[in-house]
PDB file of N, CA and C in Angstrom:
ATOM      1  N   MET A   1       4.459  -9.934 -31.059  1.00  0.00           N
ATOM      2  CA  MET A   1       3.853  -8.583 -31.407  1.00  0.00           C
ATOM      3  C   MET A   1       5.398  -8.995 -32.103  1.00  0.00           C
ATOM      4  N   PRO A   2       5.540  -7.524 -33.330  1.00  0.00           N
ATOM      5  CA  PRO A   2       7.101  -7.429 -33.921  1.00  0.00           C
ATOM      6  C   PRO A   2       8.194  -7.269 -32.654  1.00  0.00           C
ATOM      7  N   VAL A   3       8.964  -6.921 -32.824  1.00  0.00           N
ATOM      8  CA  VAL A   3      10.234  -6.727 -32.324  1.00  0.00           C
ATOM      9  C   VAL A   3       9.941  -4.598 -31.903  1.00  0.00           C
ATOM     10  N   GLY A   4      10.017  -4.207 -33.125  1.00  0.00           N
ATOM     11  CA  GLY A   4       9.982  -2.709 -33.419  1.00  0.00           C
ATOM     12  C   GLY A   4       8.686  -2.473 -32.257  1.00  0.00           C
ATOM     13  N   LYS A   5       7.268  -2.861 -32.653  1.00  0.00           N
ATOM     14  CA  LYS A   5       6.445  -2.690 -31.892  1.00  0.00           C
ATOM     15  C   LYS A   5       6.474  -3.091 -29.982  1.00  0.00           C
ATOM     16  N   LEU A   6       6.842  -3.889 -29.358  1.00  0.00           N
ATOM     17  CA  LEU A   6       7.452  -3.949 -28.570  1.00  0.00           C
ATOM     18  C   LEU A   6       8.155  -3.459 -27.651  1.00  0.00           C
ATOM     19  N   HIS A   7       8.968  -2.621 -28.096  1.00  0.00           N
ATOM     20  CA  HIS A   7       9.843  -2.158 -28.063  1.00  0.00           C
ATOM     21  C   HIS A   7       9.422  -0.494 -28.064  1.00  0.00           C
ATOM     22  N   HIS A   8       8.643   0.238 -28.812  1.00  0.00           N
ATOM     23  CA  HIS A   8       7.959   1.217 -28.921  1.00  0.00           C
ATOM     24  C   HIS A   8       7.481   1.257 -27.577  1.00  0.00           C
ATOM     25  N   ALA A   9       5.820   0.027 -26.421  1.00  0.00           N
ATOM     26  CA  ALA A   9       5.690  -0.204 -25.756  1.00  0.00           C
ATOM     27  C   ALA A   9       5.956  -0.317 -24.609  1.00  0.00           C
ATOM     28  N   ALA A  10       7.265  -0.415 -24.896  1.00  0.00           N
ATOM     29  CA  ALA A  10       7.913  -0.692 -23.671  1.00  0.00           C
ATOM     30  C   ALA A  10       8.505   0.416 -23.568  1.00  0.00           C
ATOM     31  N   VAL A  11       9.426   1.601 -24.075  1.00  0.00           N
ATOM     32  CA  VAL A  11       9.793   2.722 -23.947  1.00  0.00           C
ATOM     33  C   VAL A  11       8.417   3.755 -23.366  1.00  0.00           C
ATOM     34  N   GLN A  12       6.945   3.778 -23.483  1.00  0.00           N
ATOM     35  CA  GLN A  12       6.193   3.992 -23.486  1.00  0.00           C
ATOM     36  C   GLN A  12       5.861   4.211 -21.613  1.00  0.00           C
ATOM     37  N   TYR A  13       6.659   2.930 -21.379  1.00  0.00           N
ATOM     38  CA  TYR A  13       6.722   2.987 -19.510  1.00  0.00           C
ATOM     39  C   TYR A  13       7.247   3.123 -18.752  1.00  0.00           C
ATOM     40  N   VAL A  14       8.958   3.255 -19.370  1.00  0.00           N
ATOM     41  CA  VAL A  14       9.978   3.284 -19.121  1.00  0.00           C
ATOM     42  C   VAL A  14      10.901   4.925 -19.097  1.00  0.00           C
ATOM     43  N   CYS A  15      10.433   5.796 -20.625  1.00  0.00           N
ATOM     44  CA  CYS A  15      10.726   6.949 -20.488  1.00  0.00           C
ATOM     45  C   CYS A  15      10.792   8.154 -19.324  1.00  0.00           C
ATOM     46  N   ALA A  16      11.780   8.904 -19.557  1.00  0.00           N
ATOM     47  CA  ALA A  16      11.720  10.001 -18.008  1.00  0.00           C
ATOM     48  C   ALA A  16       9.944  10.671 -18.044  1.00  0.00           C
ATOM     49  N   SER A  17       9.638  10.487 -19.444  1.00  0.00           N
ATOM     50  CA  SER A  17       8.257  11.875 -18.591  1.00  0.00           C
ATOM     51  C   SER A  17       7.260  10.783 -18.525  1.00  0.00           C
ATOM     52  N   ALA A  18       7.451   9.041 -18.673  1.00  0.00           N
ATOM     53  CA  ALA A  18       6.494   8.053 -18.081  1.00  0.00           C
ATOM     54  C   ALA A  18       6.963   8.055 -16.413  1.00  0.00           C
ATOM     55  N   GLN A  19       7.896   8.297 -16.395  1.00  0.00           N
ATOM     56  CA  GLN A  19       8.533   7.730 -15.106  1.00  0.00           C
ATOM     57  C   GLN A  19       8.090   8.964 -13.916  1.00  0.00           C
ATOM     58  N   ALA A  20       7.952  10.378 -14.733  1.00  0.00           N
ATOM     59  CA  ALA A  20       7.491  11.913 -13.917  1.00  0.00           C
ATOM     60  C   ALA A  20       5.643  11.415 -13.668  1.00  0.00           C
ATOM     61  N   LYS A  21       4.859  11.507 -14.665  1.00  0.00           N
ATOM     62  CA  LYS A  21       4.224  11.043 -14.415  1.00  0.00           C
ATOM     63  C   LYS A  21       3.816   9.810 -13.576  1.00  0.00           C
ATOM     64  N   ALA A  22       4.323   8.779 -13.683  1.00  0.00           N
ATOM     65  CA  ALA A  22       4.374   8.018 -12.341  1.00  0.00           C
ATOM     66  C   ALA A  22       4.523   8.327 -11.249  1.00  0.00           C
ATOM     67  N   ILE A  23       5.135   9.122 -11.147  1.00  0.00           N
ATOM     68  CA  ILE A  23       5.498   9.603  -9.616  1.00  0.00           C
ATOM     69  C   ILE A  23       4.177  10.804  -9.284  1.00  0.00           C
ATOM     70  N   ASP A  24       3.463  11.342 -10.383  1.00  0.00           N
ATOM     71  CA  ASP A  24       2.432  12.424 -10.179  1.00  0.00           C
ATOM     72  C   ASP A  24       1.087  11.317  -9.461  1.00  0.00           C
ATOM     73  N   ILE A  25       1.150   9.918 -10.169  1.00  0.00           N
ATOM     74  CA  ILE A  25       0.488   9.213  -9.570  1.00  0.00           C
ATOM     75  C   ILE A  25       0.591   8.840  -8.046  1.00  0.00           C
ATOM     76  N   LEU A  26       2.251   8.243  -7.586  1.00  0.00           N
ATOM     77  CA  LEU A  26       2.085   7.297  -6.356  1.00  0.00           C
ATOM     78  C   LEU A  26       2.529   8.529  -5.677  1.00  0.00           C
ATOM     79  N   MET A  27       2.636   9.796  -5.678  1.00  0.00           N
ATOM     80  CA  MET A  27       2.659  10.688  -4.611  1.00  0.00           C
ATOM     81  C   MET A  27       1.681  10.905  -3.821  1.00  0.00           C
ATOM     82  N   PRO A  28       0.676  10.571  -3.797  1.00  0.00           N
ATOM     83  CA  PRO A  28      -0.602  10.758  -2.683  1.00  0.00           C
ATOM     84  C   PRO A  28      -0.380   9.452  -1.989  1.00  0.00           C
ATOM     85  N   ASN A  29      -0.049   8.543  -1.906  1.00  0.00           N
ATOM     86  CA  ASN A  29       0.230   7.105  -1.701  1.00  0.00           C
ATOM     87  C   ASN A  29       1.566   7.093  -0.813  1.00  0.00           C
ATOM     88  N   LEU A  30       2.055   7.847  -0.987  1.00  0.00           N
ATOM     89  CA  LEU A  30       3.662   7.643  -0.672  1.00  0.00           C
ATOM     90  C   LEU A  30       3.968   7.958   1.056  1.00  0.00           C
ATOM     91  N   SER A  31       4.489   7.486   1.891  1.00  0.00           N
ATOM     92  CA  SER A  31       4.487   7.698   3.499  1.00  0.00           C
ATOM     93  C   SER A  31       5.826   9.235   3.296  1.00  0.00           C
ATOM     94  N   GLU A  32       5.648   9.793   4.588  1.00  0.00           N
ATOM     95  CA  GLU A  32       6.654  10.820   4.463  1.00  0.00           C
ATOM     96  C   GLU A  32       8.364  10.630   4.094  1.00  0.00           C
ATOM     97  N   GLU A  33       8.270   9.720   4.751  1.00  0.00           N
ATOM     98  CA  GLU A  33      10.147   8.964   4.575  1.00  0.00           C
ATOM     99  C   GLU A  33       9.888   8.815   2.828  1.00  0.00           C
ATOM    100  N   GLU A  34       9.412   8.157   2.632  1.00  0.00           N
ATOM    101  CA  GLU A  34       9.293   7.775   0.944  1.00  0.00           C
ATOM    102  C   GLU A  34       9.431   9.233   0.222  1.00  0.00           C
ATOM    103  N   GLU A  35       8.744  10.077   0.262  1.00  0.00           N
ATOM    104  CA  GLU A  35       8.366  11.272  -0.396  1.00  0.00           C
ATOM    105  C   GLU A  35       9.912  12.167   0.567  1.00  0.00           C
ATOM    106  N   ARG A  36      10.610  11.458   1.515  1.00  0.00           N
ATOM    107  CA  ARG A  36      12.086  12.553   1.616  1.00  0.00           C
ATOM    108  C   ARG A  36      13.088  12.155   0.518  1.00  0.00           C
ATOM    109  N   ILE A  37      12.753  10.214   0.431  1.00  0.00           N
ATOM    110  CA  ILE A  37      13.745   9.791  -0.462  1.00  0.00           C
ATOM    111  C   ILE A  37      13.759  10.113  -1.647  1.00  0.00           C
ATOM    112  N   PHE A  38      12.198  10.376  -2.547  1.00  0.00           N
ATOM    113  CA  PHE A  38      12.166  10.670  -3.591  1.00  0.00           C
ATOM    114  C   PHE A  38      12.746  12.207  -3.990  1.00  0.00           C
ATOM    115  N   ARG A  39      12.456  13.553  -2.791  1.00  0.00           N
ATOM    116  CA  ARG A  39      13.422  14.998  -2.924  1.00  0.00           C
ATOM    117  C   ARG A  39      14.693  14.719  -2.752  1.00  0.00           C
ATOM    118  N   ARG A  40      14.858  13.840  -2.272  1.00  0.00           N
ATOM    119  CA  ARG A  40      16.425  13.806  -1.960  1.00  0.00           C
ATOM    120  C   ARG A  40      17.262  13.218  -3.605  1.00  0.00           C
ATOM    121  N   GLY A  41      16.402  12.168  -4.516  1.00  0.00           N
ATOM    122  CA  GLY A  41      17.228  11.942  -5.328  1.00  0.00           C
ATOM    123  C   GLY A  41      16.263  12.933  -6.317  1.00  0.00           C
ATOM    124  N   ARG A  42      15.445  13.393  -6.627  1.00  0.00           N
ATOM    125  CA  ARG A  42      14.963  14.596  -7.475  1.00  0.00           C
ATOM    126  C   ARG A  42      16.107  15.547  -7.170  1.00  0.00           C
ATOM    127  N   ASN A  43      16.063  15.799  -6.158  1.00  0.00           N
ATOM    128  CA  ASN A  43      16.837  17.592  -5.951  1.00  0.00           C
ATOM    129  C   ASN A  43      18.679  16.743  -5.979  1.00  0.00           C
ATOM    130  N   ALA A  44      19.466  15.513  -6.184  1.00  0.00           N
ATOM    131  CA  ALA A  44      20.641  15.606  -6.495  1.00  0.00           C
ATOM    132  C   ALA A  44      21.301  16.192  -7.768  1.00  0.00           C
ATOM    133  N   HIS A  45      21.844  16.522  -7.532  1.00  0.00           N
ATOM    134  CA  HIS A  45      22.843  17.630  -8.701  1.00  0.00           C
ATOM    135  C   HIS A  45      23.525  16.032  -9.376  1.00  0.00           C
ATOM    136  N   GLY A  46      22.844  16.873 -10.805  1.00  0.00           N
ATOM    137  CA  GLY A  46      23.176  16.139 -12.141  1.00  0.00           C
ATOM    138  C   GLY A  46      24.021  16.993 -12.984  1.00  0.00           C
ATOM    139  N   ASN A  47      25.221  16.398 -13.743  1.00  0.00           N
ATOM    140  CA  ASN A  47      25.302  17.165 -14.696  1.00  0.00           C
ATOM    141  C   ASN A  47      24.333  17.301 -16.394  1.00  0.00           C
ATOM    142  N   HIS A  48      24.069  15.987 -16.269  1.00  0.00           N
ATOM    143  CA  HIS A  48      24.045  15.643 -17.699  1.00  0.00           C
ATOM    144  C   HIS A  48      22.102  15.559 -17.917  1.00  0.00           C
ATOM    145  N   VAL A  49      21.388  15.932 -18.671  1.00  0.00           N
ATOM    146  CA  VAL A  49      20.105  15.608 -19.039  1.00  0.00           C
ATOM    147  C   VAL A  49      20.023  15.551 -20.453  1.00  0.00           C
ATOM    148  N   PRO A  50      19.272  14.587 -20.884  1.00  0.00           N
ATOM    149  CA  PRO A  50      19.812  13.486 -22.060  1.00  0.00           C
ATOM    150  C   PRO A  50      18.626  14.544 -22.641  1.00  0.00           C
ATOM    151  N   ARG A  51      19.454  14.697 -23.963  1.00  0.00           N
ATOM    152  CA  ARG A  51      18.605  15.850 -25.082  1.00  0.00           C
ATOM    153  C   ARG A  51      17.218  15.847 -25.655  1.00  0.00           C
ATOM    154  N   ASN A  52      16.525  14.354 -25.481  1.00  0.00           N
ATOM    155  CA  ASN A  52      15.332  14.067 -25.793  1.00  0.00           C
ATOM    156  C   ASN A  52      14.483  14.164 -24.471  1.00  0.00           C
ATOM    157  N   SER A  53      14.932  14.846 -23.218  1.00  0.00           N
ATOM    158  CA  SER A  53      14.086  14.983 -21.839  1.00  0.00           C
ATOM    159  C   SER A  53      14.024  16.464 -21.414  1.00  0.00           C
ATOM    160  N   ASN A  54      13.269  16.560 -21.062  1.00  0.00           N
ATOM    161  CA  ASN A  54      12.874  17.895 -20.413  1.00  0.00           C
ATOM    162  C   ASN A  54      13.703  17.717 -18.927  1.00  0.00           C
ATOM    163  N   PRO A  55      14.064  18.461 -18.129  1.00  0.00           N
ATOM    164  CA  PRO A  55      14.621  19.016 -17.055  1.00  0.00           C
ATOM    165  C   PRO A  55      14.209  18.324 -16.142  1.00  0.00           C
ATOM    166  N   ARG A  56      12.686  19.126 -15.650  1.00  0.00           N
ATOM    167  CA  ARG A  56      11.904  18.797 -15.040  1.00  0.00           C
ATOM    168  C   ARG A  56      11.804  16.702 -14.978  1.00  0.00           C
ATOM    169  N   ASP A  57      11.347  16.323 -16.199  1.00  0.00           N
ATOM    170  CA  ASP A  57      10.851  15.185 -16.283  1.00  0.00           C
ATOM    171  C   ASP A  57      12.150  14.550 -15.757  1.00  0.00           C
ATOM    172  N   TYR A  58      13.369  14.895 -16.266  1.00  0.00           N
ATOM    173  CA  TYR A  58      14.515  13.740 -16.134  1.00  0.00           C
ATOM    174  C   TYR A  58      14.788  13.634 -14.353  1.00  0.00           C
ATOM    175  N   ARG A  59      14.504  14.826 -13.648  1.00  0.00           N
ATOM    176  CA  ARG A  59      14.875  14.324 -12.285  1.00  0.00           C
ATOM    177  C   ARG A  59      13.710  13.896 -11.380  1.00  0.00           C
ATOM    178  N   ALA A  60      12.392  14.101 -11.855  1.00  0.00           N
ATOM    179  CA  ALA A  60      11.409  13.460 -11.293  1.00  0.00           C
ATOM    180  C   ALA A  60      11.844  12.025 -11.569  1.00  0.00           C
ATOM    181  N   ALA A  61      12.089  11.548 -12.808  1.00  0.00           N
ATOM    182  CA  ALA A  61      12.320   9.888 -12.930  1.00  0.00           C
ATOM    183  C   ALA A  61      13.400   9.933 -12.028  1.00  0.00           C
ATOM    184  N   THR A  62      14.751  10.475 -12.121  1.00  0.00           N
ATOM    185  CA  THR A  62      15.325  10.342 -10.901  1.00  0.00           C
ATOM    186  C   THR A  62      15.220   9.958  -9.608  1.00  0.00           C
ATOM    187  N   GLY A  63      14.422  10.873  -9.142  1.00  0.00           N
ATOM    188  CA  GLY A  63      13.957  10.563  -8.282  1.00  0.00           C
ATOM    189  C   GLY A  63      13.340   9.025  -7.687  1.00  0.00           C
ATOM    190  N   LEU A  64      11.953   9.170  -8.462  1.00  0.00           N
ATOM    191  CA  LEU A  64      11.248   7.490  -8.681  1.00  0.00           C
ATOM    192  C   LEU A  64      11.817   6.641  -8.735  1.00  0.00           C
ATOM    193  N   GLU A  65      13.371   6.967  -9.425  1.00  0.00           N
ATOM    194  CA  GLU A  65      14.534   5.783  -9.412  1.00  0.00           C
ATOM    195  C   GLU A  65      14.788   5.320  -8.447  1.00  0.00           C
ATOM    196  N   THR A  66      15.303   6.635  -7.616  1.00  0.00           N
ATOM    197  CA  THR A  66      16.195   6.639  -6.022  1.00  0.00           C
ATOM    198  C   THR A  66      15.119   5.900  -5.114  1.00  0.00           C
ATOM    199  N   LEU A  67      13.707   5.928  -4.823  1.00  0.00           N
ATOM    200  CA  LEU A  67      12.723   5.523  -4.373  1.00  0.00           C
ATOM    201  C   LEU A  67      12.975   3.958  -4.583  1.00  0.00           C
ATOM    202  N   PHE A  68      12.394   3.364  -5.699  1.00  0.00           N
ATOM    203  CA  PHE A  68      12.777   2.244  -5.888  1.00  0.00           C
ATOM    204  C   PHE A  68      13.962   1.408  -5.543  1.00  0.00           C
ATOM    205  N   GLY A  69      14.687   2.225  -5.707  1.00  0.00           N
ATOM    206  CA  GLY A  69      16.409   1.677  -5.424  1.00  0.00           C
ATOM    207  C   GLY A  69      16.178   1.845  -3.762  1.00  0.00           C
ATOM    208  N   TYR A  70      16.176   2.534  -3.111  1.00  0.00           N
ATOM    209  CA  TYR A  70      15.758   2.309  -1.448  1.00  0.00           C
ATOM    210  C   TYR A  70      15.064   1.549  -1.220  1.00  0.00           C
ATOM    211  N   LEU A  71      13.624   1.280  -1.544  1.00  0.00           N
ATOM    212  CA  LEU A  71      12.881   0.075  -1.038  1.00  0.00           C
ATOM    213  C   LEU A  71      13.192  -1.343  -1.231  1.00  0.00           C
ATOM    214  N   TYR A  72      14.475  -1.202  -2.720  1.00  0.00           N
ATOM    215  CA  TYR A  72      14.641  -2.428  -2.714  1.00  0.00           C
ATOM    216  C   TYR A  72      15.581  -2.790  -1.498  1.00  0.00           C
ATOM    217  N   ILE A  73      16.650  -1.954  -2.001  1.00  0.00           N
ATOM    218  CA  ILE A  73      17.780  -2.077  -0.551  1.00  0.00           C
ATOM    219  C   ILE A  73      17.204  -2.505   0.870  1.00  0.00           C
ATOM    220  N   GLN A  74      16.441  -1.949   1.425  1.00  0.00           N
ATOM    221  CA  GLN A  74      15.431  -2.067   2.715  1.00  0.00           C
ATOM    222  C   GLN A  74      15.147  -3.409   2.715  1.00  0.00           C
ATOM    223  N   GLY A  75      14.832  -4.065   1.474  1.00  0.00           N
ATOM    224  CA  GLY A  75      14.315  -5.304   1.382  1.00  0.00           C
ATOM    225  C   GLY A  75      13.182  -4.970   1.396  1.00  0.00           C
ATOM    226  N   GLU A  76      12.171  -3.951   0.812  1.00  0.00           N
ATOM    227  CA  GLU A  76      10.736  -3.657   1.266  1.00  0.00           C
ATOM    228  C   GLU A  76       9.625  -4.098  -0.413  1.00  0.00           C
ATOM    229  N   ASN A  77       9.749  -5.638  -0.666  1.00  0.00           N
ATOM    230  CA  ASN A  77       9.643  -5.743  -1.916  1.00  0.00           C
ATOM    231  C   ASN A  77       8.365  -5.929  -1.872  1.00  0.00           C
ATOM    232  N   ALA A  78       7.589  -5.828  -0.531  1.00  0.00           N
ATOM    233  CA  ALA A  78       6.226  -6.016  -0.662  1.00  0.00           C
ATOM    234  C   ALA A  78       5.752  -4.598  -1.162  1.00  0.00           C
ATOM    235  N   ARG A  79       6.337  -3.975  -0.758  1.00  0.00           N
ATOM    236  CA  ARG A  79       6.234  -2.223  -0.621  1.00  0.00           C
ATOM    237  C   ARG A  79       5.979  -1.777  -2.564  1.00  0.00           C
ATOM    238  N   ILE A  80       7.608  -2.360  -2.827  1.00  0.00           N
ATOM    239  CA  ILE A  80       7.370  -2.301  -4.059  1.00  0.00           C
ATOM    240  C   ILE A  80       6.672  -3.025  -5.101  1.00  0.00           C
ATOM    241  N   GLN A  81       6.002  -4.315  -5.007  1.00  0.00           N
ATOM    242  CA  GLN A  81       5.074  -4.456  -5.566  1.00  0.00           C
ATOM    243  C   GLN A  81       3.848  -3.590  -5.194  1.00  0.00           C
ATOM    244  N   GLU A  82       3.085  -3.256  -3.994  1.00  0.00           N
ATOM    245  CA  GLU A  82       2.163  -2.198  -3.533  1.00  0.00           C
ATOM    246  C   GLU A  82       2.238  -1.546  -5.114  1.00  0.00           C
ATOM    247  N   LEU A  83       3.337   0.011  -4.855  1.00  0.00           N
ATOM    248  CA  LEU A  83       3.239   0.580  -5.654  1.00  0.00           C
ATOM    249  C   LEU A  83       3.533   0.421  -7.325  1.00  0.00           C
ATOM    250  N   PHE A  84       3.652  -0.843  -7.761  1.00  0.00           N
ATOM    251  CA  PHE A  84       3.860  -1.023  -8.973  1.00  0.00           C
ATOM    252  C   PHE A  84       2.220  -1.716  -9.447  1.00  0.00           C
ATOM    253  N   LEU A  85       1.493  -1.881  -8.230  1.00  0.00           N
ATOM    254  CA  LEU A  85       0.159  -2.455  -8.766  1.00  0.00           C
ATOM    255  C   LEU A  85      -0.575  -1.136  -9.116  1.00  0.00           C
ATOM    256  N   ILE A  86      -0.818   0.241  -7.718  1.00  0.00           N
ATOM    257  CA  ILE A  86      -1.038   1.264  -8.105  1.00  0.00           C
ATOM    258  C   ILE A  86      -0.525   1.931  -9.520  1.00  0.00           C
ATOM    259  N   LEU A  87       0.101   1.820 -10.025  1.00  0.00           N
ATOM    260  CA  LEU A  87       0.817   2.435 -11.332  1.00  0.00           C
ATOM    261  C   LEU A  87       0.352   1.446 -12.349  1.00  0.00           C
ATOM    262  N   TRP A  88       0.009   0.036 -12.052  1.00  0.00           N
ATOM    263  CA  TRP A  88      -0.738  -1.044 -13.089  1.00  0.00           C
ATOM    264  C   TRP A  88      -2.485  -0.431 -13.521  1.00  0.00           C
ATOM    265  N   ASN A  89      -2.604  -0.233 -12.391  1.00  0.00           N
ATOM    266  CA  ASN A  89      -3.904  -0.494 -12.187  1.00  0.00           C
ATOM    267  C   ASN A  89      -4.637   0.937 -12.704  1.00  0.00           C
ATOM    268  N   HIS A  90      -3.468   2.053 -12.862  1.00  0.00           N
ATOM    269  CA  HIS A  90      -4.246   3.394 -13.230  1.00  0.00           C
ATOM    270  C   HIS A  90      -3.748   3.352 -14.413  1.00  0.00           C
ATOM    271  N   LEU A  91      -2.913   2.676 -14.815  1.00  0.00           N
ATOM    272  CA  LEU A  91      -2.183   2.659 -16.622  1.00  0.00           C
ATOM    273  C   LEU A  91      -3.052   1.767 -17.303  1.00  0.00           C
ATOM    274  N   GLN A  92      -4.091   0.842 -16.682  1.00  0.00           N
ATOM    275  CA  GLN A  92      -4.845  -0.308 -17.131  1.00  0.00           C
ATOM    276  C   GLN A  92      -5.360  -0.126 -18.286  1.00  0.00           C
ATOM    277  N   PRO A  93      -5.969   1.119 -18.928  1.00  0.00           N
ATOM    278  CA  PRO A  93      -6.266   1.204 -20.633  1.00  0.00           C
ATOM    279  C   PRO A  93      -5.522   1.522 -21.273  1.00  0.00           C
ATOM    280  N   LEU A  94      -4.179   1.432 -20.820  1.00  0.00           N
ATOM    281  CA  LEU A  94      -2.539   1.419 -21.518  1.00  0.00           C
ATOM    282  C   LEU A  94      -2.650   0.123 -22.267  1.00  0.00           C
ATOM    283  N   ASN A  95      -2.552  -1.022 -21.023  1.00  0.00           N
ATOM    284  CA  ASN A  95      -2.542  -2.441 -21.256  1.00  0.00           C
ATOM    285  C   ASN A  95      -4.039  -2.987 -22.222  1.00  0.00           C
ATOM    286  N   SER A  96      -4.819  -2.063 -22.264  1.00  0.00           N
ATOM    287  CA  SER A  96      -6.053  -2.951 -23.389  1.00  0.00           C
ATOM    288  C   SER A  96      -5.636  -3.338 -24.526  1.00  0.00           C
ATOM    289  N   PRO A  97      -5.826  -5.036 -25.419  1.00  0.00           N
ATOM    290  CA  PRO A  97      -5.384  -5.128 -26.557  1.00  0.00           C
ATOM    291  C   PRO A  97      -6.053  -4.405 -27.251  1.00  0.00           C
ATOM    292  N   GLU A  98      -6.503  -3.562 -27.480  1.00  0.00           N
ATOM    293  CA  GLU A  98      -6.909  -2.637 -28.159  1.00  0.00           C
ATOM    294  C   GLU A  98      -5.540  -1.437 -29.172  1.00  0.00           C
ATOM    295  N   ASN A  99      -4.976  -1.949 -27.735  1.00  0.00           N
ATOM    296  CA  ASN A  99      -3.984  -0.766 -27.690  1.00  0.00           C
ATOM    297  C   ASN A  99      -2.436  -1.510 -28.395  1.00  0.00           C
TER     298      ASN A  99
END
């Protein structure tokens, strides 16, 4: 795959809007503690939102990153894999060879 096309495909998964969609997918599967950690990260005060993101998506993405960081620090690698598997299975149509 050409580098430009690969970059475009990667950005579809890591941009703020994609991460905001990811947390919407994961929310029903989170424990109360995980939801609390997500909300704490989402509600953290930040002064800068990138110009190509809307504030809601950017804050949701920050909360998702906070959740994964928390799970990593806690050594919950199996839970991280479980959550990524949920996302992978939900996004499988994007991973098909036709795209």
